[in-house]
Amino acid sequence: MDEGHRELANRLFATATAMLEDAIEPAVAGQFSRSSPAALARHGRRLRAVLRDIAVLAEAAAIVAELGRRPGRTRRKRRR
């Protein structure tokens, strides 16, 4: 993978990580037993929106990685 594709993929993953940190807030807030149904719905919608955005970033990172592969190269097997 060339350096440009690698850097873009790394930045997408870094952004997703930051967004996961943001997703903690509504996920934790939704656990409070005294939350009203309206508050729980708000937390659920916020969490769903953040996770949808993260899914988009994950798909973009996968596409960038595939585009960055050199034509004709086969995938390497993972070392265990």
PDB file of N, CA and C in Angstrom:
ATOM      1  N   MET A   1       0.846  -1.161   0.000  1.00  0.00           N
ATOM      2  CA  MET A   1       0.000   0.000   0.000  1.00  0.00           C
ATOM      3  C   MET A   1       0.896   1.230   0.000  1.00  0.00           C
ATOM      4  N   ASP A   2       0.551   2.184  -0.840  1.00  0.00           N
ATOM      5  CA  ASP A   2       1.390   3.377  -0.876  1.00  0.00           C
ATOM      6  C   ASP A   2       1.131   4.242   0.359  1.00  0.00           C
ATOM      7  N   GLU A   3       2.035   5.167   0.595  1.00  0.00           N
ATOM      8  CA  GLU A   3       2.000   5.962   1.823  1.00  0.00           C
ATOM      9  C   GLU A   3       0.747   6.831   1.918  1.00  0.00           C
ATOM     10  N   GLY A   4       0.277   7.362   0.809  1.00  0.00           N
ATOM     11  CA  GLY A   4      -0.922   8.199   0.829  1.00  0.00           C
ATOM     12  C   GLY A   4      -2.161   7.429   1.254  1.00  0.00           C
ATOM     13  N   HIS A   5      -2.331   6.224   0.692  1.00  0.00           N
ATOM     14  CA  HIS A   5      -3.474   5.393   1.075  1.00  0.00           C
ATOM     15  C   HIS A   5      -3.371   4.967   2.538  1.00  0.00           C
ATOM     16  N   ARG A   6      -2.168   4.615   2.950  1.00  0.00           N
ATOM     17  CA  ARG A   6      -1.966   4.191   4.342  1.00  0.00           C
ATOM     18  C   ARG A   6      -2.286   5.339   5.306  1.00  0.00           C
ATOM     19  N   GLU A   7      -1.812   6.532   4.997  1.00  0.00           N
ATOM     20  CA  GLU A   7      -2.063   7.678   5.873  1.00  0.00           C
ATOM     21  C   GLU A   7      -3.559   7.989   5.948  1.00  0.00           C
ATOM     22  N   LEU A   8      -4.246   7.928   4.811  1.00  0.00           N
ATOM     23  CA  LEU A   8      -5.677   8.186   4.806  1.00  0.00           C
ATOM     24  C   LEU A   8      -6.419   7.135   5.633  1.00  0.00           C
ATOM     25  N   ALA A   9      -6.086   5.874   5.450  1.00  0.00           N
ATOM     26  CA  ALA A   9      -6.727   4.808   6.224  1.00  0.00           C
ATOM     27  C   ALA A   9      -6.465   5.009   7.717  1.00  0.00           C
ATOM     28  N   ASN A  10      -5.234   5.348   8.077  1.00  0.00           N
ATOM     29  CA  ASN A  10      -4.903   5.582   9.492  1.00  0.00           C
ATOM     30  C   ASN A  10      -5.703   6.742  10.065  1.00  0.00           C
ATOM     31  N   ARG A  11      -5.874   7.794   9.289  1.00  0.00           N
ATOM     32  CA  ARG A  11      -6.653   8.949   9.758  1.00  0.00           C
ATOM     33  C   ARG A  11      -8.132   8.591   9.922  1.00  0.00           C
ATOM     34  N   LEU A  12      -8.643   7.776   9.013  1.00  0.00           N
ATOM     35  CA  LEU A  12     -10.032   7.336   9.140  1.00  0.00           C
ATOM     36  C   LEU A  12     -10.219   6.521  10.422  1.00  0.00           C
ATOM     37  N   PHE A  13      -9.273   5.638  10.708  1.00  0.00           N
ATOM     38  CA  PHE A  13      -9.351   4.854  11.941  1.00  0.00           C
ATOM     39  C   PHE A  13      -9.207   5.736  13.181  1.00  0.00           C
ATOM     40  N   ALA A  14      -8.342   6.733  13.122  1.00  0.00           N
ATOM     41  CA  ALA A  14      -8.177   7.651  14.253  1.00  0.00           C
ATOM     42  C   ALA A  14      -9.463   8.438  14.494  1.00  0.00           C
ATOM     43  N   THR A  15     -10.096   8.875  13.427  1.00  0.00           N
ATOM     44  CA  THR A  15     -11.363   9.593  13.558  1.00  0.00           C
ATOM     45  C   THR A  15     -12.434   8.681  14.144  1.00  0.00           C
ATOM     46  N   ALA A  16     -12.477   7.434  13.686  1.00  0.00           N
ATOM     47  CA  ALA A  16     -13.445   6.473  14.225  1.00  0.00           C
ATOM     48  C   ALA A  16     -13.206   6.243  15.716  1.00  0.00           C
ATOM     49  N   THR A  17     -11.954   6.202  16.122  1.00  0.00           N
ATOM     50  CA  THR A  17     -11.628   6.021  17.538  1.00  0.00           C
ATOM     51  C   THR A  17     -12.153   7.192  18.366  1.00  0.00           C
ATOM     52  N   ALA A  18     -11.950   8.395  17.877  1.00  0.00           N
ATOM     53  CA  ALA A  18     -12.454   9.581  18.581  1.00  0.00           C
ATOM     54  C   ALA A  18     -13.979   9.537  18.673  1.00  0.00           C
ATOM     55  N   MET A  19     -14.611   9.094  17.610  1.00  0.00           N
ATOM     56  CA  MET A  19     -16.067   9.014  17.607  1.00  0.00           C
ATOM     57  C   MET A  19     -16.565   7.918  18.563  1.00  0.00           C
ATOM     58  N   LEU A  20     -15.822   6.832  18.670  1.00  0.00           N
ATOM     59  CA  LEU A  20     -16.181   5.796  19.642  1.00  0.00           C
ATOM     60  C   LEU A  20     -16.134   6.358  21.059  1.00  0.00           C
ATOM     61  N   GLU A  21     -15.152   7.190  21.327  1.00  0.00           N
ATOM     62  CA  GLU A  21     -15.065   7.831  22.630  1.00  0.00           C
ATOM     63  C   GLU A  21     -16.291   8.714  22.867  1.00  0.00           C
ATOM     64  N   ASP A  22     -16.743   9.405  21.812  1.00  0.00           N
ATOM     65  CA  ASP A  22     -17.951  10.233  21.922  1.00  0.00           C
ATOM     66  C   ASP A  22     -19.193   9.374  22.150  1.00  0.00           C
ATOM     67  N   ALA A  23     -19.189   8.149  21.628  1.00  0.00           N
ATOM     68  CA  ALA A  23     -20.346   7.266  21.762  1.00  0.00           C
ATOM     69  C   ALA A  23     -20.507   6.759  23.187  1.00  0.00           C
ATOM     70  N   ILE A  24     -19.467   6.858  23.976  1.00  0.00           N
ATOM     71  CA  ILE A  24     -19.541   6.383  25.356  1.00  0.00           C
ATOM     72  C   ILE A  24     -20.578   7.190  26.148  1.00  0.00           C
ATOM     73  N   GLU A  25     -20.612   8.486  25.915  1.00  0.00           N
ATOM     74  CA  GLU A  25     -21.511   9.345  26.693  1.00  0.00           C
ATOM     75  C   GLU A  25     -22.986   8.927  26.594  1.00  0.00           C
ATOM     76  N   PRO A  26     -23.567   8.820  25.404  1.00  0.00           N
ATOM     77  CA  PRO A  26     -24.970   8.401  25.368  1.00  0.00           C
ATOM     78  C   PRO A  26     -25.174   6.945  25.797  1.00  0.00           C
ATOM     79  N   ALA A  27     -24.174   6.103  25.578  1.00  0.00           N
ATOM     80  CA  ALA A  27     -24.293   4.704  25.992  1.00  0.00           C
ATOM     81  C   ALA A  27     -24.360   4.600  27.512  1.00  0.00           C
ATOM     82  N   VAL A  28     -23.536   5.383  28.199  1.00  0.00           N
ATOM     83  CA  VAL A  28     -23.543   5.378  29.662  1.00  0.00           C
ATOM     84  C   VAL A  28     -24.805   6.059  30.180  1.00  0.00           C
ATOM     85  N   ALA A  29     -25.166   7.183  29.571  1.00  0.00           N
ATOM     86  CA  ALA A  29     -26.352   7.921  30.020  1.00  0.00           C
ATOM     87  C   ALA A  29     -27.610   7.063  29.913  1.00  0.00           C
ATOM     88  N   GLY A  30     -27.659   6.204  28.917  1.00  0.00           N
ATOM     89  CA  GLY A  30     -28.818   5.340  28.741  1.00  0.00           C
ATOM     90  C   GLY A  30     -28.941   4.251  29.792  1.00  0.00           C
ATOM     91  N   GLN A  31     -27.922   4.078  30.607  1.00  0.00           N
ATOM     92  CA  GLN A  31     -27.949   3.037  31.632  1.00  0.00           C
ATOM     93  C   GLN A  31     -28.568   3.502  32.948  1.00  0.00           C
ATOM     94  N   PHE A  32     -28.791   4.806  33.090  1.00  0.00           N
ATOM     95  CA  PHE A  32     -29.347   5.308  34.339  1.00  0.00           C
ATOM     96  C   PHE A  32     -30.788   4.848  34.495  1.00  0.00           C
ATOM     97  N   SER A  33     -31.082   4.218  35.614  1.00  0.00           N
ATOM     98  CA  SER A  33     -32.414   3.656  35.824  1.00  0.00           C
ATOM     99  C   SER A  33     -33.491   4.721  35.994  1.00  0.00           C
ATOM    100  N   ARG A  34     -33.105   5.931  36.307  1.00  0.00           N
ATOM    101  CA  ARG A  34     -34.090   6.998  36.513  1.00  0.00           C
ATOM    102  C   ARG A  34     -34.337   7.835  35.265  1.00  0.00           C
ATOM    103  N   SER A  35     -33.735   7.468  34.155  1.00  0.00           N
ATOM    104  CA  SER A  35     -33.940   8.226  32.917  1.00  0.00           C
ATOM    105  C   SER A  35     -35.377   8.066  32.436  1.00  0.00           C
ATOM    106  N   SER A  36     -35.906   9.152  31.950  1.00  0.00           N
ATOM    107  CA  SER A  36     -37.263   9.103  31.400  1.00  0.00           C
ATOM    108  C   SER A  36     -37.238   8.388  30.057  1.00  0.00           C
ATOM    109  N   PRO A  37     -38.378   7.893  29.601  1.00  0.00           N
ATOM    110  CA  PRO A  37     -38.425   7.280  28.265  1.00  0.00           C
ATOM    111  C   PRO A  37     -37.959   8.245  27.168  1.00  0.00           C
ATOM    112  N   ALA A  38     -38.296   9.507  27.312  1.00  0.00           N
ATOM    113  CA  ALA A  38     -37.868  10.497  26.308  1.00  0.00           C
ATOM    114  C   ALA A  38     -36.349  10.629  26.304  1.00  0.00           C
ATOM    115  N   ALA A  39     -35.749  10.648  27.485  1.00  0.00           N
ATOM    116  CA  ALA A  39     -34.284  10.750  27.580  1.00  0.00           C
ATOM    117  C   ALA A  39     -33.629   9.501  27.005  1.00  0.00           C
ATOM    118  N   LEU A  40     -34.189   8.338  27.317  1.00  0.00           N
ATOM    119  CA  LEU A  40     -33.639   7.096  26.763  1.00  0.00           C
ATOM    120  C   LEU A  40     -33.717   7.095  25.241  1.00  0.00           C
ATOM    121  N   ALA A  41     -34.815   7.591  24.711  1.00  0.00           N
ATOM    122  CA  ALA A  41     -34.964   7.670  23.252  1.00  0.00           C
ATOM    123  C   ALA A  41     -33.916   8.602  22.655  1.00  0.00           C
ATOM    124  N   ARG A  42     -33.689   9.746  23.310  1.00  0.00           N
ATOM    125  CA  ARG A  42     -32.664  10.684  22.827  1.00  0.00           C
ATOM    126  C   ARG A  42     -31.282  10.039  22.828  1.00  0.00           C
ATOM    127  N   HIS A  43     -30.951   9.371  23.927  1.00  0.00           N
ATOM    128  CA  HIS A  43     -29.642   8.717  24.024  1.00  0.00           C
ATOM    129  C   HIS A  43     -29.511   7.636  22.950  1.00  0.00           C
ATOM    130  N   GLY A  44     -30.576   6.899  22.742  1.00  0.00           N
ATOM    131  CA  GLY A  44     -30.553   5.858  21.713  1.00  0.00           C
ATOM    132  C   GLY A  44     -30.364   6.426  20.317  1.00  0.00           C
ATOM    133  N   ARG A  45     -31.059   7.504  20.018  1.00  0.00           N
ATOM    134  CA  ARG A  45     -30.899   8.126  18.687  1.00  0.00           C
ATOM    135  C   ARG A  45     -29.496   8.687  18.500  1.00  0.00           C
ATOM    136  N   ARG A  46     -28.961   9.308  19.558  1.00  0.00           N
ATOM    137  CA  ARG A  46     -27.599   9.861  19.453  1.00  0.00           C
ATOM    138  C   ARG A  46     -26.577   8.746  19.258  1.00  0.00           C
ATOM    139  N   LEU A  47     -26.728   7.678  20.016  1.00  0.00           N
ATOM    140  CA  LEU A  47     -25.812   6.546  19.878  1.00  0.00           C
ATOM    141  C   LEU A  47     -25.913   5.935  18.482  1.00  0.00           C
ATOM    142  N   ARG A  48     -27.140   5.765  18.000  1.00  0.00           N
ATOM    143  CA  ARG A  48     -27.335   5.204  16.655  1.00  0.00           C
ATOM    144  C   ARG A  48     -26.679   6.083  15.587  1.00  0.00           C
ATOM    145  N   ALA A  49     -26.820   7.410  15.714  1.00  0.00           N
ATOM    146  CA  ALA A  49     -26.239   8.325  14.734  1.00  0.00           C
ATOM    147  C   ALA A  49     -24.709   8.242  14.734  1.00  0.00           C
ATOM    148  N   VAL A  50     -24.118   8.221  15.928  1.00  0.00           N
ATOM    149  CA  VAL A  50     -22.652   8.130  16.013  1.00  0.00           C
ATOM    150  C   VAL A  50     -22.174   6.803  15.421  1.00  0.00           C
ATOM    151  N   LEU A  51     -22.862   5.726  15.752  1.00  0.00           N
ATOM    152  CA  LEU A  51     -22.444   4.414  15.247  1.00  0.00           C
ATOM    153  C   LEU A  51     -22.622   4.311  13.738  1.00  0.00           C
ATOM    154  N   ARG A  52     -23.647   4.939  13.210  1.00  0.00           N
ATOM    155  CA  ARG A  52     -23.839   4.950  11.750  1.00  0.00           C
ATOM    156  C   ARG A  52     -22.671   5.680  11.081  1.00  0.00           C
ATOM    157  N   ASP A  53     -22.261   6.818  11.666  1.00  0.00           N
ATOM    158  CA  ASP A  53     -21.123   7.560  11.122  1.00  0.00           C
ATOM    159  C   ASP A  53     -19.835   6.747  11.214  1.00  0.00           C
ATOM    160  N   ILE A  54     -19.661   6.023  12.300  1.00  0.00           N
ATOM    161  CA  ILE A  54     -18.479   5.172  12.459  1.00  0.00           C
ATOM    162  C   ILE A  54     -18.486   4.063  11.409  1.00  0.00           C
ATOM    163  N   ALA A  55     -19.651   3.496  11.143  1.00  0.00           N
ATOM    164  CA  ALA A  55     -19.754   2.450  10.118  1.00  0.00           C
ATOM    165  C   ALA A  55     -19.340   2.989   8.753  1.00  0.00           C
ATOM    166  N   VAL A  56     -19.708   4.224   8.467  1.00  0.00           N
ATOM    167  CA  VAL A  56     -19.310   4.849   7.202  1.00  0.00           C
ATOM    168  C   VAL A  56     -17.789   5.001   7.143  1.00  0.00           C
ATOM    169  N   LEU A  57     -17.194   5.447   8.236  1.00  0.00           N
ATOM    170  CA  LEU A  57     -15.728   5.584   8.265  1.00  0.00           C
ATOM    171  C   LEU A  57     -15.038   4.230   8.107  1.00  0.00           C
ATOM    172  N   ALA A  58     -15.586   3.213   8.742  1.00  0.00           N
ATOM    173  CA  ALA A  58     -14.998   1.878   8.632  1.00  0.00           C
ATOM    174  C   ALA A  58     -15.056   1.393   7.184  1.00  0.00           C
ATOM    175  N   GLU A  59     -16.173   1.617   6.531  1.00  0.00           N
ATOM    176  CA  GLU A  59     -16.300   1.219   5.123  1.00  0.00           C
ATOM    177  C   GLU A  59     -15.321   2.000   4.253  1.00  0.00           C
ATOM    178  N   ALA A  60     -15.188   3.290   4.527  1.00  0.00           N
ATOM    179  CA  ALA A  60     -14.241   4.109   3.769  1.00  0.00           C
ATOM    180  C   ALA A  60     -12.812   3.617   3.972  1.00  0.00           C
ATOM    181  N   ALA A  61     -12.453   3.285   5.197  1.00  0.00           N
ATOM    182  CA  ALA A  61     -11.100   2.780   5.468  1.00  0.00           C
ATOM    183  C   ALA A  61     -10.853   1.480   4.714  1.00  0.00           C
ATOM    184  N   ALA A  62     -11.850   0.605   4.679  1.00  0.00           N
ATOM    185  CA  ALA A  62     -11.693  -0.663   3.959  1.00  0.00           C
ATOM    186  C   ALA A  62     -11.527  -0.412   2.463  1.00  0.00           C
ATOM    187  N   ILE A  63     -12.294   0.521   1.920  1.00  0.00           N
ATOM    188  CA  ILE A  63     -12.192   0.839   0.490  1.00  0.00           C
ATOM    189  C   ILE A  63     -10.821   1.430   0.175  1.00  0.00           C
ATOM    190  N   VAL A  64     -10.367   2.354   1.011  1.00  0.00           N
ATOM    191  CA  VAL A  64      -9.046   2.965   0.797  1.00  0.00           C
ATOM    192  C   VAL A  64      -7.961   1.900   0.831  1.00  0.00           C
ATOM    193  N   ALA A  65      -8.064   0.982   1.778  1.00  0.00           N
ATOM    194  CA  ALA A  65      -7.059  -0.083   1.883  1.00  0.00           C
ATOM    195  C   ALA A  65      -7.076  -0.964   0.633  1.00  0.00           C
ATOM    196  N   GLU A  66      -8.262  -1.289   0.146  1.00  0.00           N
ATOM    197  CA  GLU A  66      -8.346  -2.107  -1.070  1.00  0.00           C
ATOM    198  C   GLU A  66      -7.804  -1.358  -2.283  1.00  0.00           C
ATOM    199  N   LEU A  67      -8.110  -0.074  -2.371  1.00  0.00           N
ATOM    200  CA  LEU A  67      -7.596   0.721  -3.488  1.00  0.00           C
ATOM    201  C   LEU A  67      -6.084   0.863  -3.420  1.00  0.00           C
ATOM    202  N   GLY A  68      -5.558   0.844  -2.207  1.00  0.00           N
ATOM    203  CA  GLY A  68      -4.122   1.010  -2.026  1.00  0.00           C
ATOM    204  C   GLY A  68      -3.311  -0.239  -2.299  1.00  0.00           C
ATOM    205  N   ARG A  69      -4.008  -1.370  -2.451  1.00  0.00           N
ATOM    206  CA  ARG A  69      -3.279  -2.607  -2.746  1.00  0.00           C
ATOM    207  C   ARG A  69      -2.725  -2.538  -4.162  1.00  0.00           C
ATOM    208  N   ARG A  70      -1.570  -3.076  -4.329  1.00  0.00           N
ATOM    209  CA  ARG A  70      -0.959  -3.086  -5.659  1.00  0.00           C
ATOM    210  C   ARG A  70      -1.627  -4.143  -6.525  1.00  0.00           C
ATOM    211  N   PRO A  71      -1.942  -3.792  -7.760  1.00  0.00           N
ATOM    212  CA  PRO A  71      -2.560  -4.787  -8.646  1.00  0.00           C
ATOM    213  C   PRO A  71      -1.654  -6.008  -8.809  1.00  0.00           C
ATOM    214  N   GLY A  72      -2.274  -7.172  -8.802  1.00  0.00           N
ATOM    215  CA  GLY A  72      -1.523  -8.391  -9.038  1.00  0.00           C
ATOM    216  C   GLY A  72      -0.925  -9.014  -7.797  1.00  0.00           C
ATOM    217  N   ARG A  73      -0.962  -8.323  -6.681  1.00  0.00           N
ATOM    218  CA  ARG A  73      -0.421  -8.888  -5.434  1.00  0.00           C
ATOM    219  C   ARG A  73      -1.487  -9.714  -4.754  1.00  0.00           C
ATOM    220  N   THR A  74      -1.066 -10.775  -4.175  1.00  0.00           N
ATOM    221  CA  THR A  74      -2.000 -11.598  -3.414  1.00  0.00           C
ATOM    222  C   THR A  74      -1.922 -11.199  -1.954  1.00  0.00           C
ATOM    223  N   ARG A  75      -2.953 -11.499  -1.246  1.00  0.00           N
ATOM    224  CA  ARG A  75      -2.961 -11.195   0.187  1.00  0.00           C
ATOM    225  C   ARG A  75      -1.986 -12.093   0.916  1.00  0.00           C
ATOM    226  N   ARG A  76      -1.322 -11.521   1.890  1.00  0.00           N
ATOM    227  CA  ARG A  76      -0.419 -12.317   2.728  1.00  0.00           C
ATOM    228  C   ARG A  76      -1.220 -12.989   3.816  1.00  0.00           C
ATOM    229  N   LYS A  77      -0.779 -14.171   4.177  1.00  0.00           N
ATOM    230  CA  LYS A  77      -1.404 -14.860   5.299  1.00  0.00           C
ATOM    231  C   LYS A  77      -0.888 -14.239   6.583  1.00  0.00           C
ATOM    232  N   ARG A  78      -1.781 -14.138   7.569  1.00  0.00           N
ATOM    233  CA  ARG A  78      -1.376 -13.597   8.864  1.00  0.00           C
ATOM    234  C   ARG A  78      -0.457 -14.575   9.568  1.00  0.00           C
ATOM    235  N   ARG A  79       0.535 -14.017  10.237  1.00  0.00           N
ATOM    236  CA  ARG A  79       1.402 -14.837  11.080  1.00  0.00           C
ATOM    237  C   ARG A  79       0.744 -14.963  12.440  1.00  0.00           C
ATOM    238  N   ARG A  80       0.824 -16.111  13.013  1.00  0.00           N
ATOM    239  CA  ARG A  80       0.208 -16.313  14.336  1.00  0.00           C
ATOM    240  C   ARG A  80       1.229 -16.399  15.395  1.00  0.00           C
TER     241      ARG A  80
END
